[in-house]
Amino acid sequence: MKNSRTTEQVALGIRRRVFEHTILNNGGYLSQACSSAEMLAWLYNEALTIGDPTLPMIPRDFSGVPSVNNPDYVSGAGYNGPATPEYDRLFIAPAHYALVAYATLIEVGRMAPEGLEMFNKDGSSVEMIGADHSPGMEVHNGTLGIGLSTASGLAYGRRKRGDKGEVCVFMSDGEVQEGQTWEAVQACAHHGIDNVWAIMDVNNQQCDGAMSSVMEVRDIATKFRAFGAVAVEIDAHDLDAMRQAKAEPHEGKPLIILAHSSPMKGMKKLEERFPRLHYVRFKSPEERAEYNISIAAELGVDPVVYETH
């Protein structure tokens, strides 16, 4: 399916939608929208070759876990189109980016806005932490760090079958603290799995604060290259840089795009909370109103109208 909006418009729409949701619900993943909006907009709007959605615009309720006795189970990957040989596959590795991923699906016309009203509700498939049945999700990534491994295994199988489509992983930089990430890169290099590539949101943030305060990871580009990947470092908010990075030759190796981002891009008000930005919950009605007015002005929208209690 073709989206008539530019990637820049989609990125702005993602930030606006996540901001609105956060104000309405007195909390949300604002910094993830700030850092990753261009990346997710670019993936869906330009970089990926994916077909029309195979699932309803308004997501179905949770139908239970997959099993031979549950014919109603469906994977959320249907929002990314059919899993056929000619199409790419996308894995959202950091499941806590789910709110941003759902906003992206809406902005590119793959999910109805009503779907976001089901967010984190009992019985809903629109999970707060994305699961395999959540819109746009293909697997349950569980502990951060398994997304690249899962994608690499699928890419290996697709290569053996002769599938044309590639496998892409959207990652967060906290995953470099997990050993499985490095095992995946090493395995790809060893087996020549080059139909897998990743773009990583390098925002230097995680749930407990700045990355460096939790576990210093140092020069991850050098590490990726040492483990056998082609690593390209870019500005995460520069779409032309993303396009050029994707074109980087990587025969016999996985491609890792390290997209250095700002977790406050488009919402400077978040500087007041730095470096504790993982999840924004307002501490008082006054703070909620203040953030509403300030961020709305920066994003060029009207403040959100919400009920006060």
Protein backbone atom coordinates (compact mmCIF):
# COMPACT_ATOMS: atom_id res chain seq x y z
CA MET A 1 0.00 0.00 0.00
CA LYS A 2 1.19 3.52 -0.78
CA ASN A 3 1.10 6.37 1.72
CA SER A 4 0.64 9.83 0.21
CA ARG A 5 2.27 11.63 3.15
CA THR A 6 5.97 12.41 3.25
CA THR A 7 8.19 10.65 5.76
CA GLU A 8 8.73 13.98 7.54
CA GLN A 9 4.96 14.37 7.92
CA VAL A 10 4.64 10.83 9.27
CA ALA A 11 7.40 11.43 11.83
CA LEU A 12 5.72 14.61 13.06
CA GLY A 13 2.40 12.77 13.22
CA ILE A 14 3.96 10.04 15.37
CA ARG A 15 5.23 12.57 17.91
CA ARG A 16 1.91 14.39 17.98
CA ARG A 17 -0.08 11.19 18.45
CA VAL A 18 2.13 9.88 21.26
CA PHE A 19 2.02 13.29 22.94
CA GLU A 20 -1.79 13.37 22.76
CA HIS A 21 -2.02 9.85 24.17
CA THR A 22 0.37 10.71 27.01
CA ILE A 23 -1.59 13.79 28.06
CA LEU A 24 -4.94 12.00 27.83
CA ASN A 25 -3.71 9.06 29.89
CA ASN A 26 -1.52 11.02 32.32
CA GLY A 27 1.56 9.08 31.21
CA GLY A 28 3.36 7.58 28.24
CA TYR A 29 6.57 6.85 26.38
CA LEU A 30 7.35 10.34 25.15
CA SER A 31 11.12 10.08 24.82
CA GLN A 32 10.88 7.00 22.61
CA ALA A 33 8.71 8.97 20.19
CA CYS A 34 11.21 11.82 20.26
CA SER A 35 14.17 9.62 19.44
CA SER A 36 12.66 7.10 17.01
CA ALA A 37 9.94 8.92 15.03
CA GLU A 38 12.06 9.43 11.92
CA MET A 39 13.36 5.86 12.01
CA LEU A 40 9.95 4.20 12.23
CA ALA A 41 8.44 6.64 9.75
CA TRP A 42 11.25 5.89 7.29
CA LEU A 43 10.96 2.13 7.73
CA TYR A 44 7.24 2.02 7.00
CA ASN A 45 7.09 4.83 4.49
CA GLU A 46 10.19 4.11 2.43
CA ALA A 47 12.68 1.45 3.43
CA LEU A 48 10.57 -1.69 3.72
CA THR A 49 8.86 -3.59 0.93
CA ILE A 50 5.68 -4.80 2.64
CA GLY A 51 2.18 -5.61 1.43
CA ASP A 52 -1.25 -4.44 2.53
CA PRO A 53 -2.36 -5.35 6.06
CA THR A 54 -4.09 -8.69 6.46
CA LEU A 55 -5.78 -7.85 9.78
CA PRO A 56 -8.70 -5.51 10.63
CA MET A 57 -8.02 -1.80 10.97
CA ILE A 58 -9.52 -1.94 14.47
CA PRO A 59 -7.54 -4.65 16.29
CA ARG A 60 -9.29 -7.73 17.59
CA ASP A 61 -9.27 -8.54 21.28
CA PHE A 62 -6.65 -10.90 22.64
CA SER A 63 -7.52 -14.38 21.37
CA GLY A 64 -5.19 -16.40 23.56
CA VAL A 65 -1.70 -17.77 23.17
CA PRO A 66 -0.73 -19.84 20.13
CA SER A 67 -1.46 -23.54 20.37
CA VAL A 68 -2.82 -26.39 18.27
CA ASN A 69 -6.10 -25.99 20.15
CA ASN A 70 -6.48 -22.27 19.46
CA PRO A 71 -7.49 -21.68 15.83
CA ASP A 72 -8.34 -18.04 16.64
CA TYR A 73 -4.75 -17.02 17.41
CA VAL A 74 -3.20 -14.49 15.04
CA SER A 75 0.18 -12.78 14.99
CA GLY A 76 0.24 -9.00 15.00
CA ALA A 77 2.61 -9.18 12.05
CA GLY A 78 -0.43 -9.07 9.77
CA TYR A 79 -0.39 -5.28 10.13
CA ASN A 80 2.94 -5.38 8.26
CA GLY A 81 1.40 -7.31 5.39
CA PRO A 82 1.54 -10.96 4.34
CA ALA A 83 4.58 -13.09 5.20
CA THR A 84 5.25 -14.15 1.62
CA PRO A 85 8.66 -14.59 -0.07
CA GLU A 86 8.73 -11.29 -1.94
CA TYR A 87 8.08 -9.10 1.09
CA ASP A 88 10.37 -7.86 3.87
CA ARG A 89 9.75 -8.78 7.49
CA LEU A 90 10.08 -6.37 10.43
CA PHE A 91 10.88 -7.14 14.05
CA ILE A 92 10.34 -4.48 16.74
CA ALA A 93 12.93 -5.67 19.25
CA PRO A 94 12.30 -3.22 22.14
CA ALA A 95 8.73 -4.15 23.12
CA HIS A 96 8.37 -1.00 25.26
CA TYR A 97 8.35 1.07 22.04
CA ALA A 98 4.89 -0.39 21.37
CA LEU A 99 3.05 2.93 21.81
CA VAL A 100 5.31 4.55 19.20
CA ALA A 101 4.93 1.54 16.88
CA TYR A 102 1.12 1.72 17.11
CA ALA A 103 1.20 5.46 16.40
CA THR A 104 3.31 4.70 13.33
CA LEU A 105 0.81 2.13 12.05
CA ILE A 106 -1.95 4.71 12.37
CA GLU A 107 0.06 7.44 10.66
CA VAL A 108 0.79 5.24 7.63
CA GLY A 109 -2.80 3.98 7.40
CA ARG A 110 -2.27 0.42 8.63
CA MET A 111 -4.34 0.69 11.82
CA ALA A 112 -7.36 2.80 12.74
CA PRO A 113 -6.96 5.55 15.36
CA GLU A 114 -9.56 3.71 17.46
CA GLY A 115 -6.95 1.02 17.98
CA LEU A 116 -4.94 3.28 20.25
CA GLU A 117 -7.98 3.72 22.51
CA MET A 118 -7.59 0.00 23.31
CA PHE A 119 -4.04 0.54 24.57
CA ASN A 120 -3.29 -1.34 27.80
CA LYS A 121 -6.95 -2.25 28.35
CA ASP A 122 -7.95 -5.61 29.82
CA GLY A 123 -8.60 -8.13 27.08
CA SER A 124 -6.99 -5.99 24.38
CA SER A 125 -4.28 -7.12 21.98
CA VAL A 126 -2.92 -3.56 21.94
CA GLU A 127 -0.51 -4.25 24.77
CA MET A 128 1.48 -1.62 26.63
CA ILE A 129 4.55 -3.84 26.18
CA GLY A 130 4.17 -5.30 22.73
CA ALA A 131 3.58 -9.05 22.47
CA ASP A 132 3.46 -11.38 19.48
CA HIS A 133 -0.29 -10.77 19.08
CA SER A 134 0.02 -6.96 19.27
CA PRO A 135 -0.37 -4.85 16.10
CA GLY A 136 2.87 -4.76 14.13
CA MET A 137 4.61 -7.34 16.32
CA GLU A 138 5.67 -10.70 14.94
CA VAL A 139 7.22 -12.30 18.01
CA HIS A 140 7.31 -11.72 21.75
CA ASN A 141 10.76 -10.29 22.34
CA GLY A 142 10.61 -10.83 26.08
CA THR A 143 13.96 -9.92 27.58
CA LEU A 144 15.56 -7.14 25.58
CA GLY A 145 18.23 -8.48 23.25
CA ILE A 146 16.63 -11.44 21.48
CA GLY A 147 15.20 -9.54 18.50
CA LEU A 148 18.33 -9.66 16.37
CA SER A 149 18.79 -13.37 17.09
CA THR A 150 15.22 -14.15 16.08
CA ALA A 151 15.50 -12.08 12.91
CA SER A 152 18.85 -13.63 12.00
CA GLY A 153 17.45 -17.15 12.28
CA LEU A 154 14.51 -16.21 10.06
CA ALA A 155 16.84 -14.53 7.57
CA TYR A 156 18.97 -17.68 7.40
CA GLY A 157 15.91 -19.78 6.66
CA ARG A 158 14.63 -17.30 4.08
CA ARG A 159 17.98 -17.31 2.31
CA LYS A 160 17.95 -21.10 2.10
CA ARG A 161 14.44 -20.96 0.61
CA GLY A 162 15.49 -18.33 -1.88
CA ASP A 163 13.10 -15.65 -0.59
CA LYS A 164 13.61 -12.23 -2.12
CA GLY A 165 12.49 -10.28 0.95
CA GLU A 166 14.91 -9.07 3.61
CA VAL A 167 14.55 -9.13 7.40
CA CYS A 168 14.82 -5.85 9.29
CA VAL A 169 15.15 -5.27 13.03
CA PHE A 170 14.37 -2.05 14.84
CA MET A 171 16.54 -2.07 17.98
CA SER A 172 17.40 0.06 20.99
CA ASP A 173 20.91 0.63 22.25
CA GLY A 174 20.21 -1.02 25.61
CA GLU A 175 20.39 -4.29 23.70
CA VAL A 176 24.15 -4.03 23.36
CA GLN A 177 24.30 -4.81 27.09
CA GLU A 178 22.94 -8.27 26.25
CA GLY A 179 25.34 -11.01 25.16
CA GLN A 180 22.83 -12.55 22.78
CA THR A 181 23.06 -9.51 20.52
CA TRP A 182 26.74 -10.13 19.94
CA GLU A 183 26.21 -13.84 19.40
CA ALA A 184 23.67 -13.01 16.69
CA VAL A 185 26.07 -10.69 14.86
CA GLN A 186 28.87 -13.22 15.09
CA ALA A 187 26.63 -16.01 13.76
CA CYS A 188 25.47 -13.85 10.84
CA ALA A 189 29.06 -13.05 9.90
CA HIS A 190 30.10 -16.69 10.18
CA HIS A 191 27.22 -17.99 8.05
CA GLY A 192 27.22 -15.07 5.63
CA ILE A 193 23.68 -14.00 6.54
CA ASP A 194 23.47 -10.66 4.77
CA ASN A 195 19.72 -10.49 4.13
CA VAL A 196 19.26 -9.17 7.68
CA TRP A 197 19.84 -5.57 8.70
CA ALA A 198 19.06 -3.43 11.70
CA ILE A 199 18.59 0.18 12.65
CA MET A 200 19.31 0.98 16.27
CA ASP A 201 17.95 3.90 18.29
CA VAL A 202 21.11 5.07 20.05
CA ASN A 203 19.55 7.51 22.52
CA ASN A 204 21.80 6.55 25.45
CA GLN A 205 18.78 6.07 27.70
CA GLN A 206 17.21 3.15 29.53
CA CYS A 207 14.67 2.64 32.29
CA ASP A 208 17.11 3.42 35.09
CA GLY A 209 18.53 6.54 33.48
CA ALA A 210 21.51 7.21 31.24
CA MET A 211 23.17 4.15 29.68
CA SER A 212 26.56 5.11 31.04
CA SER A 213 25.25 5.13 34.61
CA VAL A 214 23.85 1.58 34.29
CA MET A 215 26.56 -0.15 32.24
CA GLU A 216 29.15 1.65 30.14
CA VAL A 217 29.19 0.19 26.61
CA ARG A 218 31.87 2.40 25.07
CA ASP A 219 32.42 2.34 21.28
CA ILE A 220 29.70 0.03 20.00
CA ALA A 221 30.46 0.72 16.33
CA THR A 222 33.96 -0.71 16.75
CA LYS A 223 32.52 -3.69 18.60
CA PHE A 224 29.98 -4.44 15.88
CA ARG A 225 32.70 -4.35 13.24
CA ALA A 226 34.93 -6.61 15.34
CA PHE A 227 32.10 -9.16 15.57
CA GLY A 228 31.72 -9.13 11.79
CA ALA A 229 29.01 -6.58 10.96
CA VAL A 230 29.10 -3.56 8.69
CA ALA A 231 28.27 -0.68 11.04
CA VAL A 232 27.32 2.81 9.88
CA GLU A 233 26.82 5.72 12.28
CA ILE A 234 24.30 8.43 11.41
CA ASP A 235 22.15 11.21 12.85
CA ALA A 236 18.82 9.52 13.65
CA HIS A 237 16.87 12.60 12.60
CA ASP A 238 18.53 12.88 9.17
CA LEU A 239 16.45 10.97 6.63
CA ASP A 240 18.99 11.36 3.83
CA ALA A 241 21.63 9.80 6.08
CA MET A 242 19.32 6.82 6.69
CA ARG A 243 18.81 6.34 2.96
CA GLN A 244 22.54 6.43 2.31
CA ALA A 245 23.29 4.06 5.20
CA LYS A 246 20.81 1.48 3.90
CA ALA A 247 22.67 1.47 0.58
CA GLU A 248 25.99 0.60 2.25
CA PRO A 249 27.43 -2.61 0.71
CA HIS A 250 27.52 -5.50 3.21
CA GLU A 251 27.98 -8.69 1.23
CA GLY A 252 28.28 -11.68 3.55
CA LYS A 253 27.69 -9.53 6.64
CA PRO A 254 24.74 -8.03 8.53
CA LEU A 255 24.26 -4.27 8.28
CA ILE A 256 23.81 -2.36 11.54
CA ILE A 257 22.79 1.31 11.28
CA LEU A 258 23.61 3.10 14.53
CA ALA A 259 21.24 6.06 14.58
CA HIS A 260 22.33 8.54 17.26
CA SER A 261 19.20 10.28 18.49
CA SER A 262 17.90 12.81 20.96
CA PRO A 263 15.30 11.53 23.47
CA MET A 264 13.99 15.10 23.62
CA LYS A 265 13.74 15.83 19.88
CA GLY A 266 10.64 17.97 19.31
CA MET A 267 9.83 18.14 23.03
CA LYS A 268 12.42 20.31 24.74
CA LYS A 269 10.27 20.38 27.86
CA LEU A 270 11.63 16.89 28.63
CA GLU A 271 15.03 18.42 29.40
CA GLU A 272 13.63 19.11 32.87
CA ARG A 273 13.48 15.36 33.51
CA PHE A 274 16.85 14.40 32.03
CA PRO A 275 18.24 11.77 32.42
CA ARG A 276 15.14 9.94 33.79
CA LEU A 277 13.10 9.89 30.61
CA HIS A 278 12.04 6.26 30.12
CA TYR A 279 8.37 6.73 31.03
CA VAL A 280 6.75 10.09 31.71
CA ARG A 281 4.08 10.16 34.39
CA PHE A 282 3.01 13.58 35.59
CA LYS A 283 3.50 14.34 39.26
CA SER A 284 0.63 16.79 39.61
CA PRO A 285 -2.29 18.28 37.66
CA GLU A 286 -0.27 21.46 37.32
CA GLU A 287 2.68 19.66 35.73
CA ARG A 288 0.38 17.83 33.33
CA ALA A 289 -1.18 21.13 32.21
CA GLU A 290 2.23 22.75 31.88
CA TYR A 291 3.57 19.94 29.68
CA ASN A 292 0.39 19.99 27.63
CA ILE A 293 0.73 23.66 26.74
CA SER A 294 4.50 23.67 26.25
CA ILE A 295 4.84 20.58 24.06
CA ALA A 296 1.71 21.37 22.03
CA ALA A 297 3.23 24.72 21.10
CA GLU A 298 6.48 23.09 20.01
CA LEU A 299 4.69 20.45 17.93
CA GLY A 300 2.41 23.04 16.35
CA VAL A 301 -0.89 21.64 17.63
CA ASP A 302 -3.59 22.77 20.03
CA PRO A 303 -3.28 21.62 23.64
CA VAL A 304 -5.08 18.36 24.36
CA VAL A 305 -8.52 18.65 25.95
CA TYR A 306 -8.84 16.11 28.76
CA GLU A 307 -10.95 15.47 31.82
CA THR A 308 -9.68 16.61 35.19
CA HIS A 309 -10.67 14.94 38.43
